[in-house]
Amino acid sequence: PTPPERSNLKVISIFSNAYTNIDGTN
């Protein structure tokens, strides 16, 4: 399912096409 739109201040994304993911995750 596609996640809802959220402001960058309201999400910390690890893995998702819907948001900007944090860098450098192994």
PDB file of all heavy atoms in Angstrom:
ATOM      1  N   PRO A   1       0.825  -1.214   0.000  1.00  0.00           N
ATOM      2  CA  PRO A   1       0.000   0.000   0.000  1.00  0.00           C
ATOM      3  C   PRO A   1       0.860   1.267   0.000  1.00  0.00           C
ATOM      4  O   PRO A   1       1.925   1.310   0.623  1.00  0.00           O
ATOM      5  CB  PRO A   1      -0.806  -0.116   1.300  1.00  0.00           C
ATOM      6  CG  PRO A   1      -0.796  -1.578   1.624  1.00  0.00           C
ATOM      7  CD  PRO A   1       0.522  -2.102   1.129  1.00  0.00           C
ATOM      8  N   THR A   2       0.396   2.290  -0.691  1.00  0.00           N
ATOM      9  CA  THR A   2       1.120   3.558  -0.745  1.00  0.00           C
ATOM     10  C   THR A   2       0.879   4.345   0.536  1.00  0.00           C
ATOM     11  O   THR A   2      -0.274   4.594   0.907  1.00  0.00           O
ATOM     12  CB  THR A   2       0.666   4.399  -1.947  1.00  0.00           C
ATOM     13  OG1 THR A   2       0.889   3.653  -3.143  1.00  0.00           O
ATOM     14  CG2 THR A   2       1.431   5.709  -2.010  1.00  0.00           C
ATOM     15  N   PRO A   3       1.935   4.744   1.256  1.00  0.00           N
ATOM     16  CA  PRO A   3       1.753   5.514   2.499  1.00  0.00           C
ATOM     17  C   PRO A   3       1.144   6.884   2.211  1.00  0.00           C
ATOM     18  O   PRO A   3       1.258   7.418   1.106  1.00  0.00           O
ATOM     19  CB  PRO A   3       3.174   5.664   3.034  1.00  0.00           C
ATOM     20  CG  PRO A   3       3.973   4.625   2.335  1.00  0.00           C
ATOM     21  CD  PRO A   3       3.337   4.456   0.983  1.00  0.00           C
ATOM     22  N   PRO A   4       0.503   7.476   3.210  1.00  0.00           N
ATOM     23  CA  PRO A   4      -0.062   8.821   3.031  1.00  0.00           C
ATOM     24  C   PRO A   4       1.034   9.872   2.909  1.00  0.00           C
ATOM     25  O   PRO A   4       2.174   9.654   3.345  1.00  0.00           O
ATOM     26  CB  PRO A   4      -0.887   9.031   4.299  1.00  0.00           C
ATOM     27  CG  PRO A   4      -0.263   8.120   5.309  1.00  0.00           C
ATOM     28  CD  PRO A   4       0.231   6.930   4.551  1.00  0.00           C
ATOM     29  N   GLU A   5       0.712  10.997   2.302  1.00  0.00           N
ATOM     30  CA  GLU A   5       1.673  12.099   2.219  1.00  0.00           C
ATOM     31  C   GLU A   5       1.914  12.675   3.609  1.00  0.00           C
ATOM     32  O   GLU A   5       0.985  12.891   4.371  1.00  0.00           O
ATOM     33  CB  GLU A   5       1.148  13.191   1.284  1.00  0.00           C
ATOM     34  CG  GLU A   5       1.084  12.778  -0.178  1.00  0.00           C
ATOM     35  CD  GLU A   5       0.710  13.948  -1.079  1.00  0.00           C
ATOM     36  OE1 GLU A   5       0.675  15.096  -0.571  1.00  0.00           O
ATOM     37  OE2 GLU A   5       0.461  13.714  -2.258  1.00  0.00           O
ATOM     38  N   ARG A   6       3.197  12.898   3.905  1.00  0.00           N
ATOM     39  CA  ARG A   6       3.566  13.471   5.200  1.00  0.00           C
ATOM     40  C   ARG A   6       4.720  14.440   4.994  1.00  0.00           C
ATOM     41  O   ARG A   6       5.550  14.257   4.119  1.00  0.00           O
ATOM     42  CB  ARG A   6       3.995  12.388   6.200  1.00  0.00           C
ATOM     43  CG  ARG A   6       2.858  11.508   6.704  1.00  0.00           C
ATOM     44  CD  ARG A   6       3.345  10.618   7.857  1.00  0.00           C
ATOM     45  NE  ARG A   6       2.234   9.900   8.460  1.00  0.00           N
ATOM     46  CZ  ARG A   6       1.901   8.650   8.134  1.00  0.00           C
ATOM     47  NH1 ARG A   6       2.588   8.008   7.212  1.00  0.00           N
ATOM     48  NH2 ARG A   6       0.883   8.053   8.734  1.00  0.00           N
ATOM     49  N   SER A   7       4.774  15.452   5.838  1.00  0.00           N
ATOM     50  CA  SER A   7       5.878  16.391   5.806  1.00  0.00           C
ATOM     51  C   SER A   7       7.153  15.686   6.273  1.00  0.00           C
ATOM     52  O   SER A   7       7.105  14.721   7.037  1.00  0.00           O
ATOM     53  CB  SER A   7       5.543  17.588   6.693  1.00  0.00           C
ATOM     54  OG  SER A   7       6.489  17.828   7.640  1.00  0.00           O
ATOM     55  N   ASN A   8       8.301  16.177   5.803  1.00  0.00           N
ATOM     56  CA  ASN A   8       9.584  15.590   6.187  1.00  0.00           C
ATOM     57  C   ASN A   8       9.810  15.641   7.695  1.00  0.00           C
ATOM     58  O   ASN A   8      10.570  14.834   8.241  1.00  0.00           O
ATOM     59  CB  ASN A   8      10.737  16.304   5.474  1.00  0.00           C
ATOM     60  CG  ASN A   8      10.773  15.995   3.990  1.00  0.00           C
ATOM     61  OD1 ASN A   8      10.299  14.945   3.560  1.00  0.00           O
ATOM     62  ND2 ASN A   8      11.331  16.905   3.211  1.00  0.00           N
ATOM     63  N   LEU A   9       9.159  16.605   8.359  1.00  0.00           N
ATOM     64  CA  LEU A   9       9.296  16.727   9.800  1.00  0.00           C
ATOM     65  C   LEU A   9       8.503  15.661  10.542  1.00  0.00           C
ATOM     66  O   LEU A   9       8.687  15.482  11.744  1.00  0.00           O
ATOM     67  CB  LEU A   9       8.840  18.114  10.262  1.00  0.00           C
ATOM     68  CG  LEU A   9       9.715  19.291   9.829  1.00  0.00           C
ATOM     69  CD1 LEU A   9       9.087  20.606  10.245  1.00  0.00           C
ATOM     70  CD2 LEU A   9      11.116  19.163  10.422  1.00  0.00           C
ATOM     71  N   LYS A  10       7.631  14.956   9.836  1.00  0.00           N
ATOM     72  CA  LYS A  10       6.764  13.980  10.497  1.00  0.00           C
ATOM     73  C   LYS A  10       7.080  12.547  10.111  1.00  0.00           C
ATOM     74  O   LYS A  10       6.288  11.639  10.410  1.00  0.00           O
ATOM     75  CB  LYS A  10       5.294  14.289  10.192  1.00  0.00           C
ATOM     76  CG  LYS A  10       4.809  15.581  10.840  1.00  0.00           C
ATOM     77  CD  LYS A  10       3.310  15.737  10.720  1.00  0.00           C
ATOM     78  CE  LYS A  10       2.840  16.973  11.474  1.00  0.00           C
ATOM     79  NZ  LYS A  10       1.358  17.096  11.441  1.00  0.00           N
ATOM     80  N   VAL A  11       8.197  12.318   9.475  1.00  0.00           N
ATOM     81  CA  VAL A  11       8.549  10.952   9.093  1.00  0.00           C
ATOM     82  C   VAL A  11      10.067  10.784   9.074  1.00  0.00           C
ATOM     83  O   VAL A  11      10.806  11.693   8.690  1.00  0.00           O
ATOM     84  CB  VAL A  11       7.941  10.585   7.720  1.00  0.00           C
ATOM     85  CG1 VAL A  11       8.515  11.460   6.624  1.00  0.00           C
ATOM     86  CG2 VAL A  11       8.156   9.121   7.394  1.00  0.00           C
ATOM     87  N   ILE A  12      10.527   9.623   9.547  1.00  0.00           N
ATOM     88  CA  ILE A  12      11.918   9.193   9.396  1.00  0.00           C
ATOM     89  C   ILE A  12      11.850   7.871   8.653  1.00  0.00           C
ATOM     90  O   ILE A  12      11.482   6.838   9.229  1.00  0.00           O
ATOM     91  CB  ILE A  12      12.618   9.018  10.752  1.00  0.00           C
ATOM     92  CG1 ILE A  12      12.603  10.320  11.550  1.00  0.00           C
ATOM     93  CG2 ILE A  12      14.062   8.544  10.553  1.00  0.00           C
ATOM     94  CD1 ILE A  12      13.144  10.172  12.969  1.00  0.00           C
ATOM     95  N   SER A  13      12.172   7.910   7.375  1.00  0.00           N
ATOM     96  CA  SER A  13      11.984   6.739   6.525  1.00  0.00           C
ATOM     97  C   SER A  13      13.272   5.937   6.384  1.00  0.00           C
ATOM     98  O   SER A  13      14.332   6.482   6.080  1.00  0.00           O
ATOM     99  CB  SER A  13      11.489   7.165   5.138  1.00  0.00           C
ATOM    100  OG  SER A  13      11.283   6.042   4.315  1.00  0.00           O
ATOM    101  N   ILE A  14      13.153   4.632   6.587  1.00  0.00           N
ATOM    102  CA  ILE A  14      14.280   3.719   6.429  1.00  0.00           C
ATOM    103  C   ILE A  14      14.275   3.109   5.035  1.00  0.00           C
ATOM    104  O   ILE A  14      15.295   3.036   4.357  1.00  0.00           O
ATOM    105  CB  ILE A  14      14.220   2.619   7.502  1.00  0.00           C
ATOM    106  CG1 ILE A  14      14.306   3.239   8.896  1.00  0.00           C
ATOM    107  CG2 ILE A  14      15.338   1.585   7.300  1.00  0.00           C
ATOM    108  CD1 ILE A  14      13.958   2.285  10.020  1.00  0.00           C
ATOM    109  N   PHE A  15      13.077   2.654   4.588  1.00  0.00           N
ATOM    110  CA  PHE A  15      12.957   2.044   3.256  1.00  0.00           C
ATOM    111  C   PHE A  15      11.539   2.268   2.755  1.00  0.00           C
ATOM    112  O   PHE A  15      10.593   1.686   3.264  1.00  0.00           O
ATOM    113  CB  PHE A  15      13.265   0.549   3.313  1.00  0.00           C
ATOM    114  CG  PHE A  15      13.266  -0.131   1.964  1.00  0.00           C
ATOM    115  CD1 PHE A  15      14.427  -0.224   1.216  1.00  0.00           C
ATOM    116  CD2 PHE A  15      12.095  -0.661   1.430  1.00  0.00           C
ATOM    117  CE1 PHE A  15      14.431  -0.846  -0.031  1.00  0.00           C
ATOM    118  CE2 PHE A  15      12.082  -1.278   0.195  1.00  0.00           C
ATOM    119  CZ  PHE A  15      13.251  -1.371  -0.546  1.00  0.00           C
ATOM    120  N   SER A  16      11.389   3.130   1.758  1.00  0.00           N
ATOM    121  CA  SER A  16      10.082   3.391   1.161  1.00  0.00           C
ATOM    122  C   SER A  16      10.256   4.226  -0.093  1.00  0.00           C
ATOM    123  O   SER A  16      11.099   5.126  -0.128  1.00  0.00           O
ATOM    124  CB  SER A  16       9.162   4.125   2.147  1.00  0.00           C
ATOM    125  OG  SER A  16       7.921   4.428   1.542  1.00  0.00           O
ATOM    126  N   ASN A  17       9.462   3.925  -1.114  1.00  0.00           N
ATOM    127  CA  ASN A  17       9.455   4.762  -2.313  1.00  0.00           C
ATOM    128  C   ASN A  17       8.713   6.069  -2.098  1.00  0.00           C
ATOM    129  O   ASN A  17       8.867   7.016  -2.862  1.00  0.00           O
ATOM    130  CB  ASN A  17       8.791   4.012  -3.476  1.00  0.00           C
ATOM    131  CG  ASN A  17       9.699   2.949  -4.061  1.00  0.00           C
ATOM    132  OD1 ASN A  17      10.824   2.783  -3.643  1.00  0.00           O
ATOM    133  ND2 ASN A  17       9.203   2.210  -5.039  1.00  0.00           N
ATOM    134  N   ALA A  18       7.897   6.123  -1.046  1.00  0.00           N
ATOM    135  CA  ALA A  18       7.027   7.277  -0.837  1.00  0.00           C
ATOM    136  C   ALA A  18       7.743   8.443  -0.160  1.00  0.00           C
ATOM    137  O   ALA A  18       7.306   9.587  -0.287  1.00  0.00           O
ATOM    138  CB  ALA A  18       5.808   6.868  -0.006  1.00  0.00           C
ATOM    139  N   TYR A  19       8.821   8.157   0.587  1.00  0.00           N
ATOM    140  CA  TYR A  19       9.497   9.194   1.349  1.00  0.00           C
ATOM    141  C   TYR A  19      10.994   9.232   1.006  1.00  0.00           C
ATOM    142  O   TYR A  19      11.506   8.354   0.316  1.00  0.00           O
ATOM    143  CB  TYR A  19       9.335   8.941   2.858  1.00  0.00           C
ATOM    144  CG  TYR A  19       7.897   8.827   3.317  1.00  0.00           C
ATOM    145  CD1 TYR A  19       7.448   7.692   3.989  1.00  0.00           C
ATOM    146  CD2 TYR A  19       6.983   9.847   3.086  1.00  0.00           C
ATOM    147  CE1 TYR A  19       6.138   7.579   4.421  1.00  0.00           C
ATOM    148  CE2 TYR A  19       5.676   9.751   3.511  1.00  0.00           C
ATOM    149  CZ  TYR A  19       5.254   8.613   4.184  1.00  0.00           C
ATOM    150  OH  TYR A  19       3.958   8.501   4.601  1.00  0.00           O
ATOM    151  N   THR A  20      11.667  10.244   1.543  1.00  0.00           N
ATOM    152  CA  THR A  20      13.116  10.332   1.397  1.00  0.00           C
ATOM    153  C   THR A  20      13.762   9.496   2.497  1.00  0.00           C
ATOM    154  O   THR A  20      13.597   9.785   3.684  1.00  0.00           O
ATOM    155  CB  THR A  20      13.592  11.791   1.504  1.00  0.00           C
ATOM    156  OG1 THR A  20      12.968  12.570   0.479  1.00  0.00           O
ATOM    157  CG2 THR A  20      15.101  11.872   1.349  1.00  0.00           C
ATOM    158  N   ASN A  21      14.486   8.455   2.114  1.00  0.00           N
ATOM    159  CA  ASN A  21      15.068   7.538   3.092  1.00  0.00           C
ATOM    160  C   ASN A  21      16.347   8.102   3.696  1.00  0.00           C
ATOM    161  O   ASN A  21      17.061   8.880   3.057  1.00  0.00           O
ATOM    162  CB  ASN A  21      15.367   6.191   2.429  1.00  0.00           C
ATOM    163  CG  ASN A  21      14.126   5.526   1.871  1.00  0.00           C
ATOM    164  OD1 ASN A  21      13.061   5.577   2.483  1.00  0.00           O
ATOM    165  ND2 ASN A  21      14.255   4.902   0.715  1.00  0.00           N
ATOM    166  N   ILE A  22      16.630   7.707   4.927  1.00  0.00           N
ATOM    167  CA  ILE A  22      17.891   8.103   5.553  1.00  0.00           C
ATOM    168  C   ILE A  22      19.049   7.467   4.781  1.00  0.00           C
ATOM    169  O   ILE A  22      18.892   6.417   4.150  1.00  0.00           O
ATOM    170  CB  ILE A  22      17.940   7.688   7.038  1.00  0.00           C
ATOM    171  CG1 ILE A  22      17.778   6.163   7.173  1.00  0.00           C
ATOM    172  CG2 ILE A  22      16.877   8.412   7.837  1.00  0.00           C
ATOM    173  CD1 ILE A  22      17.923   5.660   8.596  1.00  0.00           C
ATOM    174  N   ASP A  23      20.201   8.098   4.821  1.00  0.00           N
ATOM    175  CA  ASP A  23      21.355   7.634   4.035  1.00  0.00           C
ATOM    176  C   ASP A  23      22.144   6.557   4.773  1.00  0.00           C
ATOM    177  O   ASP A  23      22.208   6.542   6.006  1.00  0.00           O
ATOM    178  CB  ASP A  23      22.294   8.810   3.731  1.00  0.00           C
ATOM    179  CG  ASP A  23      21.660   9.828   2.805  1.00  0.00           C
ATOM    180  OD1 ASP A  23      20.851   9.418   1.948  1.00  0.00           O
ATOM    181  OD2 ASP A  23      21.980  11.022   2.940  1.00  0.00           O
ATOM    182  N   GLY A  24      22.765   5.696   3.985  1.00  0.00           N
ATOM    183  CA  GLY A  24      23.801   4.816   4.501  1.00  0.00           C
ATOM    184  C   GLY A  24      23.361   3.567   5.231  1.00  0.00           C
ATOM    185  O   GLY A  24      24.192   2.916   5.868  1.00  0.00           O
ATOM    186  N   THR A  25      22.081   3.180   5.143  1.00  0.00           N
ATOM    187  CA  THR A  25      21.637   1.980   5.856  1.00  0.00           C
ATOM    188  C   THR A  25      22.201   0.721   5.197  1.00  0.00           C
ATOM    189  O   THR A  25      22.144   0.562   3.984  1.00  0.00           O
ATOM    190  CB  THR A  25      20.096   1.896   5.874  1.00  0.00           C
ATOM    191  OG1 THR A  25      19.573   3.059   6.527  1.00  0.00           O
ATOM    192  CG2 THR A  25      19.625   0.647   6.613  1.00  0.00           C
ATOM    193  N   ASN A  26      22.736  -0.173   6.021  1.00  0.00           N
ATOM    194  CA  ASN A  26      23.192  -1.478   5.558  1.00  0.00           C
ATOM    195  C   ASN A  26      22.054  -2.471   5.808  1.00  0.00           C
ATOM    196  O   ASN A  26      21.784  -2.852   6.951  1.00  0.00           O
ATOM    197  CB  ASN A  26      24.457  -1.908   6.310  1.00  0.00           C
ATOM    198  CG  ASN A  26      25.009  -3.236   5.808  1.00  0.00           C
ATOM    199  OD1 ASN A  26      24.436  -3.871   4.921  1.00  0.00           O
ATOM    200  ND2 ASN A  26      26.120  -3.667   6.382  1.00  0.00           N
TER     201      ASN A  26
END
